C-alpha atoms as a PDB file:
ATOM      1  CA  MET A   1       3.523  30.337  51.565  1.00  0.00           C
ATOM      2  CA  SER A   2       5.086  32.454  48.878  1.00  0.00           C
ATOM      3  CA  ASP A   3       5.625  36.167  49.425  1.00  0.00           C
ATOM      4  CA  THR A   4       3.681  36.906  46.229  1.00  0.00           C
ATOM      5  CA  LEU A   5       0.545  35.057  47.343  1.00  0.00           C
ATOM      6  CA  LYS A   6      -1.612  37.897  48.647  1.00  0.00           C
ATOM      7  CA  ALA A   7      -5.226  38.982  48.548  1.00  0.00           C
ATOM      8  CA  GLY A   8      -5.884  41.189  45.557  1.00  0.00           C
ATOM      9  CA  LEU A   9      -4.136  39.032  42.954  1.00  0.00           C
ATOM     10  CA  THR A  10      -6.309  38.755  39.868  1.00  0.00           C
ATOM     11  CA  ALA A  11      -6.249  36.982  36.533  1.00  0.00           C
ATOM     12  CA  THR A  12      -8.502  36.863  33.498  1.00  0.00           C
ATOM     13  CA  ARG A  13      -8.694  34.060  30.976  1.00  0.00           C
ATOM     14  CA  ARG A  14     -10.671  33.860  27.763  1.00  0.00           C
ATOM     15  CA  VAL A  15     -12.299  30.540  26.906  1.00  0.00           C
ATOM     16  CA  GLU A  16     -13.632  29.686  23.452  1.00  0.00           C
ATOM     17  CA  ILE A  17     -16.898  27.800  23.791  1.00  0.00           C
ATOM     18  CA  ASP A  18     -16.413  24.762  21.588  1.00  0.00           C
ATOM     19  CA  ARG A  19     -18.726  21.792  21.105  1.00  0.00           C
ATOM     20  CA  ASP A  20     -17.151  19.803  23.971  1.00  0.00           C
ATOM     21  CA  ARG A  21     -18.024  22.563  26.449  1.00  0.00           C
ATOM     22  CA  THR A  22     -21.728  22.636  25.546  1.00  0.00           C
ATOM     23  CA  ILE A  23     -24.945  20.821  26.360  1.00  0.00           C
ATOM     24  CA  SER A  24     -26.662  18.895  23.566  1.00  0.00           C
ATOM     25  CA  PHE A  25     -30.249  18.389  24.707  1.00  0.00           C
ATOM     26  CA  MET A  26     -31.503  21.690  23.197  1.00  0.00           C
ATOM     27  CA  GLY A  27     -30.377  20.703  19.692  1.00  0.00           C
ATOM     28  CA  ASP A  28     -27.388  21.879  17.680  1.00  0.00           C
ATOM     29  CA  ASP A  29     -28.687  25.432  17.115  1.00  0.00           C
ATOM     30  CA  CYS A  30     -29.021  25.998  20.860  1.00  0.00           C
ATOM     31  CA  ARG A  31     -25.850  24.400  22.199  1.00  0.00           C
ATOM     32  CA  VAL A  32     -24.742  26.469  25.212  1.00  0.00           C
ATOM     33  CA  TYR A  33     -21.860  26.414  27.706  1.00  0.00           C
ATOM     34  CA  SER A  34     -22.640  23.765  30.301  1.00  0.00           C
ATOM     35  CA  THR A  35     -22.453  24.543  34.002  1.00  0.00           C
ATOM     36  CA  PRO A  36     -20.010  21.674  34.749  1.00  0.00           C
ATOM     37  CA  ASN A  37     -17.622  22.952  32.057  1.00  0.00           C
ATOM     38  CA  LEU A  38     -17.979  26.541  33.267  1.00  0.00           C
ATOM     39  CA  LEU A  39     -17.119  25.372  36.784  1.00  0.00           C
ATOM     40  CA  TYR A  40     -14.098  23.427  35.513  1.00  0.00           C
ATOM     41  CA  ASP A  41     -12.807  26.495  33.654  1.00  0.00           C
ATOM     42  CA  ILE A  42     -13.276  28.662  36.769  1.00  0.00           C
ATOM     43  CA  GLU A  43     -11.410  26.139  38.928  1.00  0.00           C
ATOM     44  CA  MET A  44      -8.536  25.983  36.433  1.00  0.00           C
ATOM     45  CA  ALA A  45      -8.298  29.803  36.307  1.00  0.00           C
ATOM     46  CA  CYS A  46      -8.013  29.884  40.119  1.00  0.00           C
ATOM     47  CA  ARG A  47      -5.522  26.993  40.163  1.00  0.00           C
ATOM     48  CA  ASP A  48      -3.342  28.590  37.492  1.00  0.00           C
ATOM     49  CA  LEU A  49      -3.215  31.872  39.416  1.00  0.00           C
ATOM     50  CA  LEU A  50      -2.072  29.932  42.480  1.00  0.00           C
ATOM     51  CA  LEU A  51       0.513  27.886  40.587  1.00  0.00           C
ATOM     52  CA  ALA A  52       2.142  31.091  39.382  1.00  0.00           C
ATOM     53  CA  ASN A  53       2.514  32.231  43.003  1.00  0.00           C
ATOM     54  CA  ILE A  54       3.396  29.136  45.066  1.00  0.00           C
ATOM     55  CA  GLU A  55       6.502  27.004  45.441  1.00  0.00           C
ATOM     56  CA  ALA A  56       7.407  24.063  43.225  1.00  0.00           C
ATOM     57  CA  GLY A  57       6.029  20.820  44.638  1.00  0.00           C
ATOM     58  CA  LYS A  58       2.784  22.492  45.703  1.00  0.00           C
ATOM     59  CA  ASP A  59      -0.621  22.532  44.025  1.00  0.00           C
ATOM     60  CA  SER A  60      -4.181  23.092  45.160  1.00  0.00           C
ATOM     61  CA  VAL A  61      -7.467  21.278  45.475  1.00  0.00           C
ATOM     62  CA  GLY A  62     -10.963  22.721  45.367  1.00  0.00           C
ATOM     63  CA  THR A  63     -12.923  22.629  48.619  1.00  0.00           C
ATOM     64  CA  ARG A  64     -16.043  24.754  48.028  1.00  0.00           C
ATOM     65  CA  VAL A  65     -17.911  26.467  45.201  1.00  0.00           C
ATOM     66  CA  GLU A  66     -20.756  28.965  45.197  1.00  0.00           C
ATOM     67  CA  LEU A  67     -21.795  29.462  41.566  1.00  0.00           C
ATOM     68  CA  ASP A  68     -24.621  31.466  40.031  1.00  0.00           C
ATOM     69  CA  HIS A  69     -24.822  30.612  36.316  1.00  0.00           C
ATOM     70  CA  VAL A  70     -26.929  33.563  35.158  1.00  0.00           C
ATOM     71  CA  GLY A  71     -26.480  33.731  31.379  1.00  0.00           C
ATOM     72  CA  ALA A  72     -26.319  31.327  28.459  1.00  0.00           C
ATOM     73  CA  THR A  73     -23.322  31.469  26.118  1.00  0.00           C
ATOM     74  CA  LEU A  74     -23.766  29.873  22.706  1.00  0.00           C
ATOM     75  CA  MET A  75     -21.264  27.546  21.099  1.00  0.00           C
ATOM     76  CA  GLY A  76     -18.775  29.573  19.058  1.00  0.00           C
ATOM     77  CA  MET A  77     -18.780  32.520  21.472  1.00  0.00           C
ATOM     78  CA  TRP A  78     -16.116  33.249  24.099  1.00  0.00           C
ATOM     79  CA  VAL A  79     -16.285  33.836  27.839  1.00  0.00           C
ATOM     80  CA  GLU A  80     -13.852  35.850  29.938  1.00  0.00           C
ATOM     81  CA  ILE A  81     -13.419  34.509  33.451  1.00  0.00           C
ATOM     82  CA  THR A  82     -11.916  36.877  36.018  1.00  0.00           C
ATOM     83  CA  VAL A  83     -10.739  35.460  39.353  1.00  0.00           C
ATOM     84  CA  THR A  84      -9.614  37.530  42.332  1.00  0.00           C
ATOM     85  CA  LEU A  85      -7.858  36.123  45.375  1.00  0.00           C
ATOM     86  CA  THR A  86      -9.737  37.561  48.360  1.00  0.00           C
ATOM     87  CA  GLU A  87      -8.237  35.724  51.329  1.00  0.00           C
ATOM     88  CA  VAL A  88      -5.136  33.726  52.253  1.00  0.00           C
ATOM     89  CA  ASN A  89      -5.272  31.875  55.572  1.00  0.00           C
ATOM     90  CA  GLY A  90      -2.344  29.471  55.660  1.00  0.00           C
ATOM     91  CA  GLY A  91      -3.076  26.941  52.924  1.00  0.00           C
ATOM     92  CA  ALA A  92      -6.730  27.959  52.665  1.00  0.00           C
ATOM     93  CA  VAL A  93      -7.445  30.481  49.919  1.00  0.00           C
ATOM     94  CA  CYS A  94     -10.659  32.134  48.758  1.00  0.00           C
ATOM     95  CA  PHE A  95     -11.549  33.628  45.390  1.00  0.00           C
ATOM     96  CA  ASP A  96     -14.340  35.749  43.972  1.00  0.00           C
ATOM     97  CA  PHE A  97     -15.003  35.197  40.286  1.00  0.00           C
ATOM     98  CA  SER A  98     -17.100  36.555  37.479  1.00  0.00           C
ATOM     99  CA  ALA A  99     -17.589  35.500  33.883  1.00  0.00           C
ATOM    100  CA  ARG A 100     -19.037  37.367  30.934  1.00  0.00           C
ATOM    101  CA  ASP A 101     -19.399  36.867  27.233  1.00  0.00           C
ATOM    102  CA  ALA A 102     -19.599  39.563  24.545  1.00  0.00           C
ATOM    103  CA  VAL A 103     -23.225  40.309  25.478  1.00  0.00           C
ATOM    104  CA  GLU A 104     -23.793  39.798  29.201  1.00  0.00           C
ATOM    105  CA  GLU A 105     -22.705  38.499  32.561  1.00  0.00           C
ATOM    106  CA  VAL A 106     -22.632  34.711  32.529  1.00  0.00           C
ATOM    107  CA  ALA A 107     -21.645  33.761  36.083  1.00  0.00           C
ATOM    108  CA  ARG A 108     -20.465  35.006  39.459  1.00  0.00           C
ATOM    109  CA  GLY A 109     -19.572  33.420  42.735  1.00  0.00           C
ATOM    110  CA  LYS A 110     -16.915  32.270  45.171  1.00  0.00           C
ATOM    111  CA  HIS A 111     -14.436  29.414  45.145  1.00  0.00           C
ATOM    112  CA  ASN A 112     -12.265  28.042  47.961  1.00  0.00           C
ATOM    113  CA  ARG A 113      -9.128  26.003  47.425  1.00  0.00           C
ATOM    114  CA  PHE A 114      -6.494  24.496  49.690  1.00  0.00           C
ATOM    115  CA  ILE A 115      -2.790  24.470  48.861  1.00  0.00           C
ATOM    116  CA  VAL A 116      -1.230  21.040  49.285  1.00  0.00           C
ATOM    117  CA  GLY A 117       2.152  19.387  48.941  1.00  0.00           C
ATOM    118  CA  ILE A 118       1.959  17.078  45.938  1.00  0.00           C
ATOM    119  CA  GLU A 119       4.164  14.327  47.399  1.00  0.00           C
ATOM    120  CA  LYS A 120       2.477  14.302  50.815  1.00  0.00           C
ATOM    121  CA  THR A 121      -0.983  14.257  49.228  1.00  0.00           C
ATOM    122  CA  ALA A 122       0.006  11.375  46.930  1.00  0.00           C
ATOM    123  CA  GLN A 123       1.207   9.380  49.953  1.00  0.00           C
ATOM    124  CA  ARG A 124      -2.067  10.014  51.802  1.00  0.00           C
ATOM    125  CA  LEU A 125      -4.124   8.956  48.766  1.00  0.00           C
ATOM    126  CA  GLN A 126      -2.092   5.764  48.259  1.00  0.00           C
ATOM    127  CA  ALA A 127      -2.601   4.891  51.936  1.00  0.00           C
ATOM    128  CA  LYS A 128      -6.347   5.343  51.466  1.00  0.00           C
ATOM    129  CA  ARG A 129      -6.266   3.140  48.347  1.00  0.00           C
ATOM    130  CA  ALA A 130      -4.468   0.418  50.333  1.00  0.00           C
ATOM    131  CA  LYS A 131      -7.070   0.643  53.131  1.00  0.00           C
ATOM    132  CA  ALA A 132      -9.934   0.400  50.654  1.00  0.00           C
ATOM    133  CA  GLY A 133      -8.481  -2.806  49.223  1.00  0.00           C
END
């Protein structure tokens, strides 16, 4: 692993809540940030922090998520997602995260990822595809 990959690293990203990130079943006036899109944005914030601190040819995959989505954010608002690397154990890494909009806390939780070699992972996946027929 890289010398810069250490517990305590943190990053914050601001996400504009556009129509594609919202649910539609409450009608247009009540479109809010959907949980699947929130989770995707959290995962990408964690992944981007890792990519800035690992070697070329490496990436990461998500392995576990614990997410409490505690506040609704309306379309047109923004959310700031803060991720903090809490543990590095070989390729296994753990994050704490929180998200808030201009009014309140939106989410909190934990996310685990595993750092992988891109080429080796691609070979393993192609072998699985061949086995599956």
